[in-house]
Amino acid sequence: MKTYLENINKAFESRARLGIMSVLMVEDKADFNTLKETLQLTDGNLASHLRSLEEAGYLLVEKQFVGRKPNTTYQASEEGRKAFQEHLDALEQLILNNRKDN
């Protein structure tokens, strides 16, 4: 098997997780509602994907209150940034190595 396939990370296979990490690679931090609106996900769906990424060590979570309302922000951890970049690089290699003009 090609070595680049080893870096395709199952944690990023779903559209939601790919979207979450894509947003967090561009934005330093994003709150729950921003992710929900940007990715057009339900509360429960987004929460479950965020929890999975957090458990994998790919997200840092900060919970605080703004006024009387809870506000949770997320950012990609260094480990998450590295893993996601390796995943993107592997996908790029997969595409490049399987182009019809090669």
PDB file of N, CA and C in Angstrom:
ATOM      1  N   MET A   1       0.849  -1.185   0.000  1.00  0.00           N
ATOM      2  CA  MET A   1       0.000   0.000   0.000  1.00  0.00           C
ATOM      3  C   MET A   1       0.889   1.241   0.000  1.00  0.00           C
ATOM      4  N   LYS A   2       0.471   2.247  -0.681  1.00  0.00           N
ATOM      5  CA  LYS A   2       1.235   3.481  -0.749  1.00  0.00           C
ATOM      6  C   LYS A   2       1.322   4.118   0.639  1.00  0.00           C
ATOM      7  N   THR A   3       2.467   4.709   0.949  1.00  0.00           N
ATOM      8  CA  THR A   3       2.657   5.288   2.284  1.00  0.00           C
ATOM      9  C   THR A   3       1.733   6.457   2.551  1.00  0.00           C
ATOM     10  N   TYR A   4       1.346   7.208   1.522  1.00  0.00           N
ATOM     11  CA  TYR A   4       0.466   8.349   1.760  1.00  0.00           C
ATOM     12  C   TYR A   4      -0.915   7.907   2.236  1.00  0.00           C
ATOM     13  N   LEU A   5      -1.332   6.687   1.886  1.00  0.00           N
ATOM     14  CA  LEU A   5      -2.632   6.194   2.347  1.00  0.00           C
ATOM     15  C   LEU A   5      -2.651   5.964   3.858  1.00  0.00           C
ATOM     16  N   GLU A   6      -1.488   5.725   4.437  1.00  0.00           N
ATOM     17  CA  GLU A   6      -1.408   5.533   5.886  1.00  0.00           C
ATOM     18  C   GLU A   6      -1.783   6.803   6.637  1.00  0.00           C
ATOM     19  N   ASN A   7      -1.661   7.963   6.007  1.00  0.00           N
ATOM     20  CA  ASN A   7      -1.958   9.233   6.663  1.00  0.00           C
ATOM     21  C   ASN A   7      -3.390   9.704   6.467  1.00  0.00           C
ATOM     22  N   ILE A   8      -4.200   8.923   5.777  1.00  0.00           N
ATOM     23  CA  ILE A   8      -5.618   9.270   5.699  1.00  0.00           C
ATOM     24  C   ILE A   8      -6.224   8.902   7.049  1.00  0.00           C
ATOM     25  N   ASN A   9      -6.735   9.925   7.710  1.00  0.00           N
ATOM     26  CA  ASN A   9      -7.159   9.803   9.104  1.00  0.00           C
ATOM     27  C   ASN A   9      -8.670   9.596   9.181  1.00  0.00           C
ATOM     28  N   LYS A  10      -9.095   8.484   9.763  1.00  0.00           N
ATOM     29  CA  LYS A  10     -10.518   8.166   9.881  1.00  0.00           C
ATOM     30  C   LYS A  10     -11.281   9.225  10.668  1.00  0.00           C
ATOM     31  N   ALA A  11     -10.599   9.941  11.559  1.00  0.00           N
ATOM     32  CA  ALA A  11     -11.266  10.983  12.351  1.00  0.00           C
ATOM     33  C   ALA A  11     -11.830  12.095  11.475  1.00  0.00           C
ATOM     34  N   PHE A  12     -11.297  12.241  10.262  1.00  0.00           N
ATOM     35  CA  PHE A  12     -11.729  13.323   9.381  1.00  0.00           C
ATOM     36  C   PHE A  12     -12.532  12.836   8.184  1.00  0.00           C
ATOM     37  N   GLU A  13     -13.006  11.614   8.209  1.00  0.00           N
ATOM     38  CA  GLU A  13     -13.726  11.071   7.062  1.00  0.00           C
ATOM     39  C   GLU A  13     -15.119  11.653   6.882  1.00  0.00           C
ATOM     40  N   SER A  14     -15.770  12.077   7.958  1.00  0.00           N
ATOM     41  CA  SER A  14     -17.122  12.617   7.801  1.00  0.00           C
ATOM     42  C   SER A  14     -17.066  14.058   7.322  1.00  0.00           C
ATOM     43  N   ARG A  15     -18.084  14.433   6.585  1.00  0.00           N
ATOM     44  CA  ARG A  15     -18.182  15.801   6.071  1.00  0.00           C
ATOM     45  C   ARG A  15     -18.172  16.810   7.210  1.00  0.00           C
ATOM     46  N   ALA A  16     -18.861  16.493   8.300  1.00  0.00           N
ATOM     47  CA  ALA A  16     -18.946  17.415   9.432  1.00  0.00           C
ATOM     48  C   ALA A  16     -17.572  17.650  10.062  1.00  0.00           C
ATOM     49  N   ARG A  17     -16.835  16.585  10.314  1.00  0.00           N
ATOM     50  CA  ARG A  17     -15.513  16.733  10.945  1.00  0.00           C
ATOM     51  C   ARG A  17     -14.520  17.403  10.011  1.00  0.00           C
ATOM     52  N   LEU A  18     -14.613  17.091   8.744  1.00  0.00           N
ATOM     53  CA  LEU A  18     -13.767  17.758   7.752  1.00  0.00           C
ATOM     54  C   LEU A  18     -14.070  19.262   7.752  1.00  0.00           C
ATOM     55  N   GLY A  19     -15.342  19.599   7.824  1.00  0.00           N
ATOM     56  CA  GLY A  19     -15.759  21.002   7.865  1.00  0.00           C
ATOM     57  C   GLY A  19     -15.314  21.705   9.128  1.00  0.00           C
ATOM     58  N   ILE A  20     -15.486  21.052  10.271  1.00  0.00           N
ATOM     59  CA  ILE A  20     -15.071  21.647  11.550  1.00  0.00           C
ATOM     60  C   ILE A  20     -13.586  21.970  11.517  1.00  0.00           C
ATOM     61  N   MET A  21     -12.792  21.006  11.120  1.00  0.00           N
ATOM     62  CA  MET A  21     -11.342  21.223  11.110  1.00  0.00           C
ATOM     63  C   MET A  21     -10.948  22.254  10.060  1.00  0.00           C
ATOM     64  N   SER A  22     -11.636  22.280   8.939  1.00  0.00           N
ATOM     65  CA  SER A  22     -11.336  23.274   7.907  1.00  0.00           C
ATOM     66  C   SER A  22     -11.571  24.685   8.435  1.00  0.00           C
ATOM     67  N   VAL A  23     -12.685  24.886   9.117  1.00  0.00           N
ATOM     68  CA  VAL A  23     -12.976  26.198   9.709  1.00  0.00           C
ATOM     69  C   VAL A  23     -11.906  26.555  10.730  1.00  0.00           C
ATOM     70  N   LEU A  24     -11.548  25.609  11.589  1.00  0.00           N
ATOM     71  CA  LEU A  24     -10.607  25.898  12.667  1.00  0.00           C
ATOM     72  C   LEU A  24      -9.159  26.025  12.189  1.00  0.00           C
ATOM     73  N   MET A  25      -8.869  25.568  11.003  1.00  0.00           N
ATOM     74  CA  MET A  25      -7.534  25.780  10.445  1.00  0.00           C
ATOM     75  C   MET A  25      -7.398  27.213   9.921  1.00  0.00           C
ATOM     76  N   VAL A  26      -8.523  27.816   9.538  1.00  0.00           N
ATOM     77  CA  VAL A  26      -8.516  29.178   9.009  1.00  0.00           C
ATOM     78  C   VAL A  26      -8.742  30.198  10.126  1.00  0.00           C
ATOM     79  N   GLU A  27      -9.702  29.921  10.979  1.00  0.00           N
ATOM     80  CA  GLU A  27     -10.024  30.806  12.101  1.00  0.00           C
ATOM     81  C   GLU A  27      -9.296  30.310  13.339  1.00  0.00           C
ATOM     82  N   ASP A  28      -8.772  31.230  14.122  1.00  0.00           N
ATOM     83  CA  ASP A  28      -8.077  30.832  15.346  1.00  0.00           C
ATOM     84  C   ASP A  28      -9.029  30.099  16.287  1.00  0.00           C
ATOM     85  N   LYS A  29     -10.220  30.659  16.464  1.00  0.00           N
ATOM     86  CA  LYS A  29     -11.243  30.065  17.326  1.00  0.00           C
ATOM     87  C   LYS A  29     -12.599  30.263  16.673  1.00  0.00           C
ATOM     88  N   ALA A  30     -13.536  29.402  17.028  1.00  0.00           N
ATOM     89  CA  ALA A  30     -14.917  29.558  16.569  1.00  0.00           C
ATOM     90  C   ALA A  30     -15.840  29.058  17.666  1.00  0.00           C
ATOM     91  N   ASP A  31     -16.958  29.756  17.851  1.00  0.00           N
ATOM     92  CA  ASP A  31     -17.900  29.300  18.866  1.00  0.00           C
ATOM     93  C   ASP A  31     -18.896  28.314  18.257  1.00  0.00           C
ATOM     94  N   PHE A  32     -19.658  27.686  19.117  1.00  0.00           N
ATOM     95  CA  PHE A  32     -20.581  26.632  18.705  1.00  0.00           C
ATOM     96  C   PHE A  32     -21.542  27.126  17.634  1.00  0.00           C
ATOM     97  N   ASN A  33     -22.161  28.294  17.878  1.00  0.00           N
ATOM     98  CA  ASN A  33     -23.161  28.794  16.932  1.00  0.00           C
ATOM     99  C   ASN A  33     -22.556  29.138  15.576  1.00  0.00           C
ATOM    100  N   THR A  34     -21.347  29.658  15.570  1.00  0.00           N
ATOM    101  CA  THR A  34     -20.682  29.959  14.303  1.00  0.00           C
ATOM    102  C   THR A  34     -20.453  28.680  13.508  1.00  0.00           C
ATOM    103  N   LEU A  35     -19.952  27.643  14.186  1.00  0.00           N
ATOM    104  CA  LEU A  35     -19.744  26.360  13.506  1.00  0.00           C
ATOM    105  C   LEU A  35     -21.068  25.787  13.007  1.00  0.00           C
ATOM    106  N   LYS A  36     -22.083  25.877  13.840  1.00  0.00           N
ATOM    107  CA  LYS A  36     -23.399  25.340  13.484  1.00  0.00           C
ATOM    108  C   LYS A  36     -23.956  26.028  12.231  1.00  0.00           C
ATOM    109  N   GLU A  37     -23.879  27.343  12.193  1.00  0.00           N
ATOM    110  CA  GLU A  37     -24.406  28.096  11.051  1.00  0.00           C
ATOM    111  C   GLU A  37     -23.538  27.886   9.805  1.00  0.00           C
ATOM    112  N   THR A  38     -22.242  27.926   9.975  1.00  0.00           N
ATOM    113  CA  THR A  38     -21.333  27.778   8.838  1.00  0.00           C
ATOM    114  C   THR A  38     -21.475  26.422   8.177  1.00  0.00           C
ATOM    115  N   LEU A  39     -21.573  25.377   9.007  1.00  0.00           N
ATOM    116  CA  LEU A  39     -21.611  24.010   8.489  1.00  0.00           C
ATOM    117  C   LEU A  39     -23.026  23.479   8.287  1.00  0.00           C
ATOM    118  N   GLN A  40     -24.024  24.262   8.699  1.00  0.00           N
ATOM    119  CA  GLN A  40     -25.433  23.892   8.583  1.00  0.00           C
ATOM    120  C   GLN A  40     -25.712  22.521   9.195  1.00  0.00           C
ATOM    121  N   LEU A  41     -25.344  22.406  10.472  1.00  0.00           N
ATOM    122  CA  LEU A  41     -25.557  21.172  11.215  1.00  0.00           C
ATOM    123  C   LEU A  41     -26.532  21.412  12.357  1.00  0.00           C
ATOM    124  N   THR A  42     -27.175  20.358  12.812  1.00  0.00           N
ATOM    125  CA  THR A  42     -28.038  20.475  13.991  1.00  0.00           C
ATOM    126  C   THR A  42     -27.168  20.526  15.241  1.00  0.00           C
ATOM    127  N   ASP A  43     -27.750  20.975  16.332  1.00  0.00           N
ATOM    128  CA  ASP A  43     -27.018  21.040  17.599  1.00  0.00           C
ATOM    129  C   ASP A  43     -26.437  19.681  17.972  1.00  0.00           C
ATOM    130  N   GLY A  44     -27.279  18.657  17.927  1.00  0.00           N
ATOM    131  CA  GLY A  44     -26.848  17.321  18.338  1.00  0.00           C
ATOM    132  C   GLY A  44     -25.776  16.737  17.436  1.00  0.00           C
ATOM    133  N   ASN A  45     -25.924  16.926  16.140  1.00  0.00           N
ATOM    134  CA  ASN A  45     -24.948  16.404  15.189  1.00  0.00           C
ATOM    135  C   ASN A  45     -23.598  17.096  15.385  1.00  0.00           C
ATOM    136  N   LEU A  46     -23.613  18.430  15.478  1.00  0.00           N
ATOM    137  CA  LEU A  46     -22.376  19.173  15.687  1.00  0.00           C
ATOM    138  C   LEU A  46     -21.733  18.771  17.011  1.00  0.00           C
ATOM    139  N   ALA A  47     -22.523  18.694  18.068  1.00  0.00           N
ATOM    140  CA  ALA A  47     -21.982  18.358  19.391  1.00  0.00           C
ATOM    141  C   ALA A  47     -21.302  16.994  19.390  1.00  0.00           C
ATOM    142  N   SER A  48     -21.893  16.015  18.725  1.00  0.00           N
ATOM    143  CA  SER A  48     -21.291  14.676  18.724  1.00  0.00           C
ATOM    144  C   SER A  48     -19.971  14.657  17.959  1.00  0.00           C
ATOM    145  N   HIS A  49     -19.899  15.390  16.857  1.00  0.00           N
ATOM    146  CA  HIS A  49     -18.652  15.443  16.090  1.00  0.00           C
ATOM    147  C   HIS A  49     -17.571  16.232  16.845  1.00  0.00           C
ATOM    148  N   LEU A  50     -17.972  17.310  17.497  1.00  0.00           N
ATOM    149  CA  LEU A  50     -17.011  18.074  18.307  1.00  0.00           C
ATOM    150  C   LEU A  50     -16.464  17.218  19.436  1.00  0.00           C
ATOM    151  N   ARG A  51     -17.332  16.457  20.080  1.00  0.00           N
ATOM    152  CA  ARG A  51     -16.910  15.590  21.179  1.00  0.00           C
ATOM    153  C   ARG A  51     -15.894  14.549  20.691  1.00  0.00           C
ATOM    154  N   SER A  52     -16.154  13.968  19.533  1.00  0.00           N
ATOM    155  CA  SER A  52     -15.226  12.974  18.979  1.00  0.00           C
ATOM    156  C   SER A  52     -13.861  13.582  18.686  1.00  0.00           C
ATOM    157  N   LEU A  53     -13.854  14.764  18.107  1.00  0.00           N
ATOM    158  CA  LEU A  53     -12.584  15.428  17.812  1.00  0.00           C
ATOM    159  C   LEU A  53     -11.857  15.838  19.092  1.00  0.00           C
ATOM    160  N   GLU A  54     -12.626  16.253  20.084  1.00  0.00           N
ATOM    161  CA  GLU A  54     -12.024  16.607  21.380  1.00  0.00           C
ATOM    162  C   GLU A  54     -11.416  15.363  22.033  1.00  0.00           C
ATOM    163  N   GLU A  55     -12.127  14.260  22.027  1.00  0.00           N
ATOM    164  CA  GLU A  55     -11.625  13.017  22.626  1.00  0.00           C
ATOM    165  C   GLU A  55     -10.372  12.516  21.918  1.00  0.00           C
ATOM    166  N   ALA A  56     -10.252  12.803  20.630  1.00  0.00           N
ATOM    167  CA  ALA A  56      -9.059  12.413  19.870  1.00  0.00           C
ATOM    168  C   ALA A  56      -7.875  13.341  20.162  1.00  0.00           C
ATOM    169  N   GLY A  57      -8.134  14.428  20.878  1.00  0.00           N
ATOM    170  CA  GLY A  57      -7.079  15.379  21.199  1.00  0.00           C
ATOM    171  C   GLY A  57      -6.857  16.418  20.121  1.00  0.00           C
ATOM    172  N   TYR A  58      -7.811  16.536  19.193  1.00  0.00           N
ATOM    173  CA  TYR A  58      -7.650  17.438  18.060  1.00  0.00           C
ATOM    174  C   TYR A  58      -8.246  18.828  18.300  1.00  0.00           C
ATOM    175  N   LEU A  59      -9.037  18.985  19.352  1.00  0.00           N
ATOM    176  CA  LEU A  59      -9.655  20.268  19.660  1.00  0.00           C
ATOM    177  C   LEU A  59      -9.350  20.703  21.080  1.00  0.00           C
ATOM    178  N   LEU A  60      -9.258  22.021  21.260  1.00  0.00           N
ATOM    179  CA  LEU A  60      -9.209  22.629  22.579  1.00  0.00           C
ATOM    180  C   LEU A  60     -10.554  23.313  22.778  1.00  0.00           C
ATOM    181  N   VAL A  61     -11.146  23.120  23.955  1.00  0.00           N
ATOM    182  CA  VAL A  61     -12.481  23.633  24.234  1.00  0.00           C
ATOM    183  C   VAL A  61     -12.401  24.600  25.405  1.00  0.00           C
ATOM    184  N   GLU A  62     -13.030  25.758  25.242  1.00  0.00           N
ATOM    185  CA  GLU A  62     -13.075  26.759  26.304  1.00  0.00           C
ATOM    186  C   GLU A  62     -14.528  27.119  26.568  1.00  0.00           C
ATOM    187  N   LYS A  63     -14.952  26.898  27.817  1.00  0.00           N
ATOM    188  CA  LYS A  63     -16.330  27.209  28.197  1.00  0.00           C
ATOM    189  C   LYS A  63     -16.303  28.406  29.127  1.00  0.00           C
ATOM    190  N   GLN A  64     -17.183  29.366  28.837  1.00  0.00           N
ATOM    191  CA  GLN A  64     -17.280  30.552  29.678  1.00  0.00           C
ATOM    192  C   GLN A  64     -18.689  31.107  29.585  1.00  0.00           C
ATOM    193  N   PHE A  65     -18.976  32.107  30.373  1.00  0.00           N
ATOM    194  CA  PHE A  65     -20.258  32.788  30.293  1.00  0.00           C
ATOM    195  C   PHE A  65     -20.045  34.177  29.726  1.00  0.00           C
ATOM    196  N   VAL A  66     -20.899  34.553  28.802  1.00  0.00           N
ATOM    197  CA  VAL A  66     -20.915  35.912  28.275  1.00  0.00           C
ATOM    198  C   VAL A  66     -22.241  36.492  28.752  1.00  0.00           C
ATOM    199  N   GLY A  67     -22.142  37.403  29.719  1.00  0.00           N
ATOM    200  CA  GLY A  67     -23.356  37.836  30.398  1.00  0.00           C
ATOM    201  C   GLY A  67     -23.860  36.647  31.202  1.00  0.00           C
ATOM    202  N   ARG A  68     -25.068  36.242  30.943  1.00  0.00           N
ATOM    203  CA  ARG A  68     -25.631  35.079  31.633  1.00  0.00           C
ATOM    204  C   ARG A  68     -25.736  33.868  30.727  1.00  0.00           C
ATOM    205  N   LYS A  69     -25.202  33.990  29.525  1.00  0.00           N
ATOM    206  CA  LYS A  69     -25.323  32.895  28.570  1.00  0.00           C
ATOM    207  C   LYS A  69     -24.009  32.122  28.463  1.00  0.00           C
ATOM    208  N   PRO A  70     -24.110  30.789  28.428  1.00  0.00           N
ATOM    209  CA  PRO A  70     -22.890  30.001  28.225  1.00  0.00           C
ATOM    210  C   PRO A  70     -22.372  30.169  26.799  1.00  0.00           C
ATOM    211  N   ASN A  71     -21.064  30.203  26.667  1.00  0.00           N
ATOM    212  CA  ASN A  71     -20.439  30.340  25.356  1.00  0.00           C
ATOM    213  C   ASN A  71     -19.266  29.372  25.304  1.00  0.00           C
ATOM    214  N   THR A  72     -19.283  28.485  24.333  1.00  0.00           N
ATOM    215  CA  THR A  72     -18.208  27.512  24.173  1.00  0.00           C
ATOM    216  C   THR A  72     -17.476  27.816  22.883  1.00  0.00           C
ATOM    217  N   THR A  73     -16.156  27.942  22.985  1.00  0.00           N
ATOM    218  CA  THR A  73     -15.343  28.175  21.798  1.00  0.00           C
ATOM    219  C   THR A  73     -14.408  26.989  21.590  1.00  0.00           C
ATOM    220  N   TYR A  74     -14.062  26.789  20.354  1.00  0.00           N
ATOM    221  CA  TYR A  74     -13.232  25.656  19.950  1.00  0.00           C
ATOM    222  C   TYR A  74     -12.059  26.170  19.138  1.00  0.00           C
ATOM    223  N   GLN A  75     -10.935  25.490  19.276  1.00  0.00           N
ATOM    224  CA  GLN A  75      -9.796  25.753  18.409  1.00  0.00           C
ATOM    225  C   GLN A  75      -9.044  24.449  18.200  1.00  0.00           C
ATOM    226  N   ALA A  76      -8.387  24.368  17.074  1.00  0.00           N
ATOM    227  CA  ALA A  76      -7.620  23.169  16.760  1.00  0.00           C
ATOM    228  C   ALA A  76      -6.378  23.140  17.642  1.00  0.00           C
ATOM    229  N   SER A  77      -6.103  21.990  18.238  1.00  0.00           N
ATOM    230  CA  SER A  77      -4.878  21.822  19.015  1.00  0.00           C
ATOM    231  C   SER A  77      -3.709  21.663  18.048  1.00  0.00           C
ATOM    232  N   GLU A  78      -2.501  21.761  18.565  1.00  0.00           N
ATOM    233  CA  GLU A  78      -1.329  21.541  17.706  1.00  0.00           C
ATOM    234  C   GLU A  78      -1.372  20.141  17.091  1.00  0.00           C
ATOM    235  N   GLU A  79      -1.745  19.170  17.925  1.00  0.00           N
ATOM    236  CA  GLU A  79      -1.869  17.787  17.432  1.00  0.00           C
ATOM    237  C   GLU A  79      -2.926  17.701  16.336  1.00  0.00           C
ATOM    238  N   GLY A  80      -4.048  18.402  16.528  1.00  0.00           N
ATOM    239  CA  GLY A  80      -5.115  18.405  15.534  1.00  0.00           C
ATOM    240  C   GLY A  80      -4.693  19.057  14.237  1.00  0.00           C
ATOM    241  N   ARG A  81      -3.975  20.175  14.341  1.00  0.00           N
ATOM    242  CA  ARG A  81      -3.487  20.860  13.137  1.00  0.00           C
ATOM    243  C   ARG A  81      -2.545  19.954  12.340  1.00  0.00           C
ATOM    244  N   LYS A  82      -1.650  19.298  13.062  1.00  0.00           N
ATOM    245  CA  LYS A  82      -0.680  18.415  12.411  1.00  0.00           C
ATOM    246  C   LYS A  82      -1.397  17.233  11.743  1.00  0.00           C
ATOM    247  N   ALA A  83      -2.306  16.598  12.473  1.00  0.00           N
ATOM    248  CA  ALA A  83      -3.029  15.440  11.940  1.00  0.00           C
ATOM    249  C   ALA A  83      -3.880  15.828  10.737  1.00  0.00           C
ATOM    250  N   PHE A  84      -4.518  16.991  10.807  1.00  0.00           N
ATOM    251  CA  PHE A  84      -5.372  17.421   9.700  1.00  0.00           C
ATOM    252  C   PHE A  84      -4.529  17.752   8.469  1.00  0.00           C
ATOM    253  N   GLN A  85      -3.405  18.408   8.671  1.00  0.00           N
ATOM    254  CA  GLN A  85      -2.533  18.729   7.540  1.00  0.00           C
ATOM    255  C   GLN A  85      -2.001  17.454   6.895  1.00  0.00           C
ATOM    256  N   GLU A  86      -1.635  16.459   7.700  1.00  0.00           N
ATOM    257  CA  GLU A  86      -1.185  15.173   7.157  1.00  0.00           C
ATOM    258  C   GLU A  86      -2.303  14.501   6.363  1.00  0.00           C
ATOM    259  N   HIS A  87      -3.529  14.618   6.864  1.00  0.00           N
ATOM    260  CA  HIS A  87      -4.689  14.054   6.176  1.00  0.00           C
ATOM    261  C   HIS A  87      -4.880  14.738   4.822  1.00  0.00           C
ATOM    262  N   LEU A  88      -4.821  16.060   4.807  1.00  0.00           N
ATOM    263  CA  LEU A  88      -4.974  16.800   3.545  1.00  0.00           C
ATOM    264  C   LEU A  88      -3.858  16.468   2.563  1.00  0.00           C
ATOM    265  N   ASP A  89      -2.636  16.366   3.069  1.00  0.00           N
ATOM    266  CA  ASP A  89      -1.505  16.007   2.202  1.00  0.00           C
ATOM    267  C   ASP A  89      -1.700  14.617   1.591  1.00  0.00           C
ATOM    268  N   ALA A  90      -2.198  13.685   2.393  1.00  0.00           N
ATOM    269  CA  ALA A  90      -2.438  12.324   1.898  1.00  0.00           C
ATOM    270  C   ALA A  90      -3.531  12.316   0.839  1.00  0.00           C
ATOM    271  N   LEU A  91      -4.590  13.087   1.058  1.00  0.00           N
ATOM    272  CA  LEU A  91      -5.653  13.173   0.056  1.00  0.00           C
ATOM    273  C   LEU A  91      -5.129  13.780  -1.247  1.00  0.00           C
ATOM    274  N   GLU A  92      -4.299  14.809  -1.107  1.00  0.00           N
ATOM    275  CA  GLU A  92      -3.718  15.436  -2.290  1.00  0.00           C
ATOM    276  C   GLU A  92      -2.859  14.440  -3.074  1.00  0.00           C
ATOM    277  N   GLN A  93      -2.063  13.657  -2.373  1.00  0.00           N
ATOM    278  CA  GLN A  93      -1.232  12.646  -3.037  1.00  0.00           C
ATOM    279  C   GLN A  93      -2.086  11.579  -3.706  1.00  0.00           C
ATOM    280  N   LEU A  94      -3.143  11.177  -3.034  1.00  0.00           N
ATOM    281  CA  LEU A  94      -4.060  10.194  -3.609  1.00  0.00           C
ATOM    282  C   LEU A  94      -4.641  10.709  -4.928  1.00  0.00           C
ATOM    283  N   ILE A  95      -5.058  11.954  -4.933  1.00  0.00           N
ATOM    284  CA  ILE A  95      -5.629  12.550  -6.140  1.00  0.00           C
ATOM    285  C   ILE A  95      -4.572  12.665  -7.231  1.00  0.00           C
ATOM    286  N   LEU A  96      -3.421  13.201  -6.882  1.00  0.00           N
ATOM    287  CA  LEU A  96      -2.361  13.401  -7.873  1.00  0.00           C
ATOM    288  C   LEU A  96      -1.872  12.083  -8.472  1.00  0.00           C
ATOM    289  N   ASN A  97      -1.782  11.050  -7.643  1.00  0.00           N
ATOM    290  CA  ASN A  97      -1.273   9.770  -8.118  1.00  0.00           C
ATOM    291  C   ASN A  97      -2.295   8.974  -8.908  1.00  0.00           C
ATOM    292  N   ASN A  98      -3.538   9.405  -8.900  1.00  0.00           N
ATOM    293  CA  ASN A  98      -4.581   8.678  -9.613  1.00  0.00           C
ATOM    294  C   ASN A  98      -5.224   9.493 -10.725  1.00  0.00           C
ATOM    295  N   ARG A  99      -4.566  10.558 -11.125  1.00  0.00           N
ATOM    296  CA  ARG A  99      -5.066  11.345 -12.247  1.00  0.00           C
ATOM    297  C   ARG A  99      -4.907  10.544 -13.526  1.00  0.00           C
ATOM    298  N   LYS A 100      -5.826  10.707 -14.422  1.00  0.00           N
ATOM    299  CA  LYS A 100      -5.810   9.951 -15.685  1.00  0.00           C
ATOM    300  C   LYS A 100      -4.642  10.323 -16.583  1.00  0.00           C
ATOM    301  N   ASP A 101      -4.109  11.540 -16.428  1.00  0.00           N
ATOM    302  CA  ASP A 101      -3.016  11.948 -17.300  1.00  0.00           C
ATOM    303  C   ASP A 101      -1.649  11.554 -16.768  1.00  0.00           C
ATOM    304  N   ASN A 102      -1.594  10.811 -15.678  1.00  0.00           N
ATOM    305  CA  ASN A 102      -0.302  10.319 -15.135  1.00  0.00           C
ATOM    306  C   ASN A 102       0.096   9.031 -15.795  1.00  0.00           C
TER     307      ASN A 102
END
